[in-house]
Amino acid sequence: MKQFRFEGILAAAALLLFGGCGYQFQGSGTSLPTDIKTIAVAPVENETLVAGLGREVEESIGTMIESFGALRVASSESDGDAVLRASIKNLDTRVRSVTGANDIALEYDLTITVAAELRRRNGQLLWRNPAVMASQQIAGTSSVVVTSGSDFAQGGISGQSLSTLDDKEVERGAGRAALNDLIEEISRRIYIEAVAEDF
C-alpha cells in the first residue's frame, strides 16, 4: 500500500514537472506575443519571370499557417493581428552535373530566394529575413530520373513510358515537380522562422 502511494506521488510529480515545461508537438506552438492570434498573408510580390508564382507562394504560406493550428489566417490585412509580407527575389537554376562526352546537363539545382517579414498591424516588426532560401535537385535527362522514389510514384507516369519522353519533356516535368516542392519548403521555412515556437 505504501509503495503504491509512493509510485502515485512520483507519477503526479513527473506529470506536473513535464506538463509545466510546455512539451508539445513541434510546430503546434508559437514564439509570437500572446495577443497575436491571426496572421494576414499579403499578396506575395514576384520578381521572377514565372507567371503566377507569387500567388502560389501566398496560398502555400496560408496553408502552412492553418495546418499547424497555432494561428488562424485572416481574410484581410485589416482583420489580422499581424501581416506577413513576402517578395520572391530570385528563382535560380544552376547546372549540377554534365555528361563528360557532350556536356549535356544531367542534373540542375533549382533555388528560390524569398525576402519576408512579419509585422503587427500597427507596423511593429516581429520578424524579418531578407533571404529565406530553399533548393531542389532536378533531373535533366530521363537517364537520371529515380523511378523508385515516392515523388516519381505520385507523378502519374510509369518507368516504361518515361523512356518514350525526350529530355526536354523530362526536364519540364521534373522542373514543375521541383518547383512545387520548393514552394512548400520555402513556406515551411518562413513559418518556422517567423512563427514556430523555439525549442
Protein backbone atom coordinates (compact mmCIF):
# COMPACT_ATOMS: atom_id res chain seq x y z
CA MET A 1 0.00 0.00 0.00
CA LYS A 2 2.79 2.43 0.90
CA GLN A 3 4.70 1.53 -2.27
CA PHE A 4 1.59 2.23 -4.40
CA ARG A 5 1.19 5.65 -2.76
CA PHE A 6 4.86 6.48 -3.34
CA GLU A 7 4.64 5.49 -7.03
CA GLY A 8 1.46 7.55 -7.38
CA ILE A 9 3.17 10.60 -5.90
CA LEU A 10 6.15 10.13 -8.25
CA ALA A 11 3.83 9.88 -11.27
CA ALA A 12 1.94 13.02 -10.23
CA ALA A 13 5.21 14.91 -9.68
CA ALA A 14 6.50 13.85 -13.10
CA LEU A 15 3.24 14.93 -14.71
CA LEU A 16 3.46 18.36 -13.09
CA LEU A 17 7.15 18.70 -13.94
CA PHE A 18 6.87 17.76 -17.63
CA GLY A 19 3.45 19.32 -18.09
CA GLY A 20 4.77 22.64 -16.79
CA CYS A 21 7.67 22.64 -19.24
CA GLY A 22 5.35 23.14 -22.19
CA TYR A 23 6.17 19.94 -24.07
CA GLN A 24 4.04 19.71 -27.19
CA PHE A 25 4.16 18.66 -30.83
CA GLN A 26 6.71 20.58 -32.89
CA GLY A 27 5.10 23.46 -34.75
CA SER A 28 1.94 23.47 -32.65
CA GLY A 29 3.08 26.44 -30.53
CA THR A 30 4.17 29.92 -31.43
CA SER A 31 7.02 32.22 -30.46
CA LEU A 32 4.87 35.28 -31.14
CA PRO A 33 3.39 37.51 -28.43
CA THR A 34 0.22 36.02 -26.94
CA ASP A 35 -2.05 38.70 -28.42
CA ILE A 36 -1.17 37.58 -31.97
CA LYS A 37 -3.91 35.12 -32.88
CA THR A 38 -4.39 35.78 -36.59
CA ILE A 39 -2.00 36.48 -39.45
CA ALA A 40 -2.93 38.05 -42.77
CA VAL A 41 -0.79 36.95 -45.71
CA ALA A 42 -0.34 39.90 -48.06
CA PRO A 43 -0.11 39.25 -51.82
CA VAL A 44 3.40 37.95 -52.47
CA GLU A 45 5.46 40.07 -54.86
CA ASN A 46 7.02 38.09 -57.69
CA GLU A 47 10.27 39.47 -59.10
CA THR A 48 10.83 36.39 -61.29
CA LEU A 49 9.58 35.63 -64.79
CA VAL A 50 7.49 32.65 -63.61
CA ALA A 51 3.87 33.71 -64.00
CA GLY A 52 1.63 33.05 -61.00
CA LEU A 53 4.48 32.12 -58.66
CA GLY A 54 3.61 34.86 -56.16
CA ARG A 55 0.04 33.60 -55.82
CA GLU A 56 1.23 30.02 -55.36
CA VAL A 57 3.64 31.01 -52.58
CA GLU A 58 0.97 33.15 -50.91
CA GLU A 59 -1.51 30.26 -50.86
CA SER A 60 1.14 27.84 -49.63
CA ILE A 61 2.13 30.11 -46.72
CA GLY A 62 -1.53 30.44 -45.72
CA THR A 63 -1.98 26.67 -45.86
CA MET A 64 1.16 26.18 -43.76
CA ILE A 65 -0.09 28.58 -41.07
CA GLU A 66 -3.50 26.89 -40.93
CA SER A 67 -2.08 23.36 -40.89
CA PHE A 68 -0.18 23.82 -37.63
CA GLY A 69 -3.23 25.22 -35.87
CA ALA A 70 -1.44 27.70 -33.60
CA LEU A 71 -2.81 30.70 -35.53
CA ARG A 72 -5.57 31.47 -37.99
CA VAL A 73 -5.20 33.14 -41.36
CA ALA A 74 -7.10 36.43 -41.50
CA SER A 75 -9.20 37.14 -44.58
CA SER A 76 -7.73 40.64 -44.99
CA GLU A 77 -4.83 42.70 -43.69
CA SER A 78 -7.18 44.84 -41.59
CA ASP A 79 -8.52 41.70 -39.85
CA GLY A 80 -5.13 40.25 -38.92
CA ASP A 81 -3.30 40.86 -35.66
CA ALA A 82 -0.14 40.70 -37.79
CA VAL A 83 0.64 40.85 -41.51
CA LEU A 84 3.18 38.67 -43.29
CA ARG A 85 4.69 40.21 -46.42
CA ALA A 86 6.97 38.37 -48.81
CA SER A 87 8.74 39.01 -52.08
CA ILE A 88 10.23 36.33 -54.34
CA LYS A 89 13.63 37.76 -55.19
CA ASN A 90 15.08 35.03 -57.33
CA LEU A 91 14.46 31.62 -58.87
CA ASP A 92 17.84 30.36 -59.98
CA THR A 93 18.73 27.26 -61.99
CA ARG A 94 22.33 26.02 -61.90
CA VAL A 95 23.83 23.01 -63.63
CA ARG A 96 24.89 20.46 -61.04
CA SER A 97 26.48 17.84 -63.30
CA VAL A 98 27.02 17.19 -67.01
CA THR A 99 27.96 14.23 -69.17
CA GLY A 100 31.67 14.05 -69.94
CA ALA A 101 31.22 13.34 -73.64
CA ASN A 102 28.91 16.09 -74.91
CA ASP A 103 28.26 18.40 -71.94
CA ILE A 104 24.54 17.59 -71.67
CA ALA A 105 23.21 18.68 -68.29
CA LEU A 106 22.30 15.67 -66.17
CA GLU A 107 21.15 17.48 -63.04
CA TYR A 108 20.23 21.01 -62.01
CA ASP A 109 19.80 22.77 -58.69
CA LEU A 110 16.71 24.98 -58.53
CA THR A 111 16.93 27.58 -55.75
CA ILE A 112 14.30 30.06 -54.62
CA THR A 113 15.10 33.13 -52.53
CA VAL A 114 12.34 34.99 -50.70
CA ALA A 115 12.50 38.13 -48.55
CA ALA A 116 9.84 38.09 -45.84
CA GLU A 117 8.78 39.98 -42.75
CA LEU A 118 6.05 39.81 -40.14
CA ARG A 119 4.68 42.96 -38.57
CA ARG A 120 1.89 43.83 -36.19
CA ARG A 121 -0.98 45.61 -37.85
CA ASN A 122 0.37 48.87 -36.34
CA GLY A 123 3.71 48.34 -38.16
CA GLN A 124 5.86 46.99 -35.31
CA LEU A 125 8.38 44.50 -36.70
CA LEU A 126 8.11 40.99 -35.23
CA TRP A 127 10.41 39.09 -37.60
CA ARG A 128 12.37 39.65 -40.81
CA ASN A 129 14.65 37.64 -43.08
CA PRO A 130 15.79 39.23 -46.35
CA ALA A 131 16.90 35.90 -47.85
CA VAL A 132 14.98 32.75 -46.93
CA MET A 133 16.28 30.07 -49.32
CA ALA A 134 15.34 26.55 -50.40
CA SER A 135 16.85 24.31 -53.09
CA GLN A 136 15.70 21.29 -55.03
CA GLN A 137 17.55 18.97 -57.40
CA ILE A 138 16.15 18.37 -60.91
CA ALA A 139 16.96 15.57 -63.34
CA GLY A 140 17.92 16.93 -66.75
CA THR A 141 17.54 13.70 -68.72
CA SER A 142 15.43 10.56 -68.45
CA SER A 143 18.56 8.53 -67.69
CA VAL A 144 18.94 10.13 -64.24
CA VAL A 145 15.30 10.10 -63.05
CA VAL A 146 14.98 7.89 -59.96
CA THR A 147 11.83 5.90 -60.73
CA SER A 148 11.76 4.14 -57.35
CA GLY A 149 11.28 7.38 -55.40
CA SER A 150 7.95 8.42 -53.89
CA ASP A 151 7.87 11.69 -55.87
CA PHE A 152 8.06 9.73 -59.12
CA ALA A 153 5.40 7.25 -57.98
CA GLN A 154 2.94 10.09 -57.35
CA GLY A 155 3.62 11.68 -60.72
CA GLY A 156 1.30 9.51 -62.83
CA ILE A 157 3.94 8.24 -65.27
CA SER A 158 5.48 4.78 -65.39
CA GLY A 159 9.14 3.87 -65.81
CA GLN A 160 8.31 2.36 -69.22
CA SER A 161 6.61 5.47 -70.57
CA LEU A 162 9.45 7.63 -69.23
CA SER A 163 11.74 6.16 -71.87
CA THR A 164 9.44 7.49 -74.63
CA LEU A 165 9.81 11.09 -73.48
CA ASP A 166 12.56 13.31 -74.80
CA ASP A 167 14.90 15.06 -72.41
CA LYS A 168 13.12 18.41 -72.74
CA GLU A 169 9.82 16.85 -71.63
CA VAL A 170 11.54 15.14 -68.72
CA GLU A 171 13.25 18.38 -67.73
CA ARG A 172 9.96 20.33 -67.87
CA GLY A 173 8.09 17.74 -65.79
CA ALA A 174 10.89 17.43 -63.25
CA GLY A 175 11.17 21.21 -63.08
CA ARG A 176 7.48 21.65 -62.26
CA ALA A 177 7.59 18.94 -59.60
CA ALA A 178 10.71 20.50 -58.09
CA LEU A 179 9.09 23.93 -58.12
CA ASN A 180 6.04 22.56 -56.27
CA ASP A 181 8.37 21.07 -53.64
CA LEU A 182 10.26 24.36 -53.39
CA ILE A 183 7.07 26.35 -52.83
CA GLU A 184 6.11 24.03 -49.98
CA GLU A 185 9.61 24.08 -48.49
CA ILE A 186 10.00 27.86 -48.61
CA SER A 187 6.60 28.26 -46.97
CA ARG A 188 7.60 25.83 -44.23
CA ARG A 189 10.85 27.69 -43.60
CA ILE A 190 9.11 31.04 -43.40
CA TYR A 191 6.59 29.60 -40.94
CA ILE A 192 9.28 28.02 -38.77
CA GLU A 193 11.37 31.19 -38.65
CA ALA A 194 8.53 33.68 -38.20
CA VAL A 195 6.02 31.78 -36.12
CA ALA A 196 7.07 28.41 -34.71
CA GLU A 197 7.95 28.09 -31.07
CA ASP A 198 11.64 27.93 -30.24
CA PHE A 199 12.86 24.65 -28.75
